[in-house]
Amino acid sequence: MRIKIGDTVKVIAGKDKGATGKVLKAFPKENKVIVEKVNIVTKHLKPKGPQNPGGIEKTEAPIHVSNVMYFDTKSGKTTRIGYRIENGKKVRVKKSDNESIK
């Protein structure tokens, strides 16, 4: 999976198409990511004692990684990600300008 925690991504498919946000969590085994303020779902919580009164909570749900694309904040455009070996280490590279990421 080429998208990592902390990356800025743009949603390219689904109900939130066009939205950008930061990746909060990544689930590589399921190929899903949680992006802030994207794919908001409403969850109804049952009351469980005086400390937890319950109610309605809005949270971000996971979105499939194929529906997001890396967003380059310098150029303001989306780009694909590849890999390259530099000094014996595997480094992520932006395909648009062959510049390494972080």
Protein backbone atom coordinates (compact mmCIF):
# COMPACT_ATOMS: atom_id res chain seq x y z
CA MET A 1 0.00 0.00 0.00
CA ARG A 2 1.58 3.27 -1.13
CA ILE A 3 -0.45 5.65 1.07
CA LYS A 4 0.94 6.13 4.60
CA ILE A 5 -0.22 7.81 7.82
CA GLY A 6 0.26 11.58 7.61
CA ASP A 7 -0.03 11.82 3.81
CA THR A 8 -2.38 14.39 2.32
CA VAL A 9 -4.77 12.67 -0.07
CA LYS A 10 -7.60 13.64 -2.39
CA VAL A 11 -10.73 11.51 -2.78
CA ILE A 12 -11.15 10.57 -6.45
CA ALA A 13 -14.30 8.42 -6.19
CA GLY A 14 -17.37 8.08 -3.98
CA LYS A 15 -19.72 10.45 -2.18
CA ASP A 16 -16.89 12.72 -0.97
CA LYS A 17 -15.20 13.03 -4.37
CA GLY A 18 -12.92 16.08 -4.54
CA ALA A 19 -12.34 16.36 -0.78
CA THR A 20 -8.80 16.51 0.55
CA GLY A 21 -7.58 15.52 3.98
CA LYS A 22 -4.84 13.96 6.03
CA VAL A 23 -4.62 10.18 6.55
CA LEU A 24 -5.26 9.46 10.25
CA LYS A 25 -5.03 5.64 10.20
CA ALA A 26 -4.05 3.01 7.67
CA PHE A 27 -5.18 -0.61 7.53
CA PRO A 28 -2.79 -2.32 5.07
CA LYS A 29 -4.35 -5.79 5.39
CA GLU A 30 -7.77 -4.46 4.35
CA ASN A 31 -6.35 -1.85 1.91
CA LYS A 32 -8.29 0.92 3.68
CA VAL A 33 -7.45 4.30 5.20
CA ILE A 34 -9.24 6.76 7.46
CA VAL A 35 -9.06 10.34 6.15
CA GLU A 36 -10.02 13.29 8.36
CA LYS A 37 -13.42 14.85 7.58
CA VAL A 38 -14.12 12.30 4.82
CA ASN A 39 -16.73 9.48 4.82
CA ILE A 40 -18.51 10.72 7.96
CA VAL A 41 -20.96 8.18 9.40
CA THR A 42 -23.52 8.56 12.18
CA LYS A 43 -23.29 6.05 15.02
CA HIS A 44 -26.01 5.66 17.66
CA LEU A 45 -24.57 4.80 21.08
CA LYS A 46 -26.55 3.05 23.80
CA PRO A 47 -26.31 4.59 27.31
CA LYS A 48 -24.00 2.62 29.60
CA GLY A 49 -24.14 4.18 33.05
CA PRO A 50 -23.84 7.78 34.25
CA GLN A 51 -20.38 8.33 32.70
CA ASN A 52 -21.53 7.22 29.23
CA PRO A 53 -24.94 8.78 28.53
CA GLY A 54 -25.01 7.58 24.90
CA GLY A 55 -26.35 9.62 21.99
CA ILE A 56 -25.44 10.20 18.38
CA GLU A 57 -21.79 10.37 17.37
CA LYS A 58 -20.33 11.30 13.99
CA THR A 59 -17.05 9.59 13.09
CA GLU A 60 -14.89 8.94 10.05
CA ALA A 61 -15.23 5.49 8.50
CA PRO A 62 -12.52 3.71 6.50
CA ILE A 63 -12.37 4.31 2.75
CA HIS A 64 -10.72 2.00 0.22
CA VAL A 65 -7.24 3.09 -0.79
CA SER A 66 -8.12 2.85 -4.50
CA ASN A 67 -10.57 5.74 -3.98
CA VAL A 68 -7.86 8.16 -2.79
CA MET A 69 -4.79 9.60 -4.48
CA TYR A 70 -1.67 11.26 -3.07
CA PHE A 71 -2.03 15.07 -3.12
CA ASP A 72 1.15 17.12 -3.61
CA THR A 73 0.75 20.28 -1.53
CA LYS A 74 3.59 22.09 -3.38
CA SER A 75 2.08 21.82 -6.84
CA GLY A 76 -1.55 21.50 -5.70
CA LYS A 77 -2.11 18.43 -7.90
CA THR A 78 -2.57 14.71 -7.39
CA THR A 79 0.14 12.31 -8.44
CA ARG A 80 0.87 8.61 -8.49
CA ILE A 81 3.51 7.10 -6.22
CA GLY A 82 6.33 4.74 -7.14
CA TYR A 83 9.45 3.39 -5.48
CA ARG A 84 13.17 3.84 -6.12
CA ILE A 85 16.33 2.61 -4.40
CA GLU A 86 18.50 5.44 -3.04
CA ASN A 87 21.65 4.72 -1.04
CA GLY A 88 20.49 1.15 -0.42
CA LYS A 89 17.06 2.24 0.88
CA LYS A 90 13.65 1.95 -0.72
CA VAL A 91 12.17 5.46 -1.09
CA ARG A 92 8.70 6.59 -2.20
CA VAL A 93 8.80 8.81 -5.29
CA LYS A 94 6.22 11.08 -6.94
CA LYS A 95 5.72 9.93 -10.53
CA SER A 96 4.95 13.45 -11.80
CA ASP A 97 8.41 14.88 -11.11
CA ASN A 98 10.51 11.94 -9.77
CA GLU A 99 10.99 13.77 -6.46
CA SER A 100 11.25 11.67 -3.30
CA ILE A 101 8.60 11.98 -0.59
CA LYS A 102 9.95 12.95 2.84
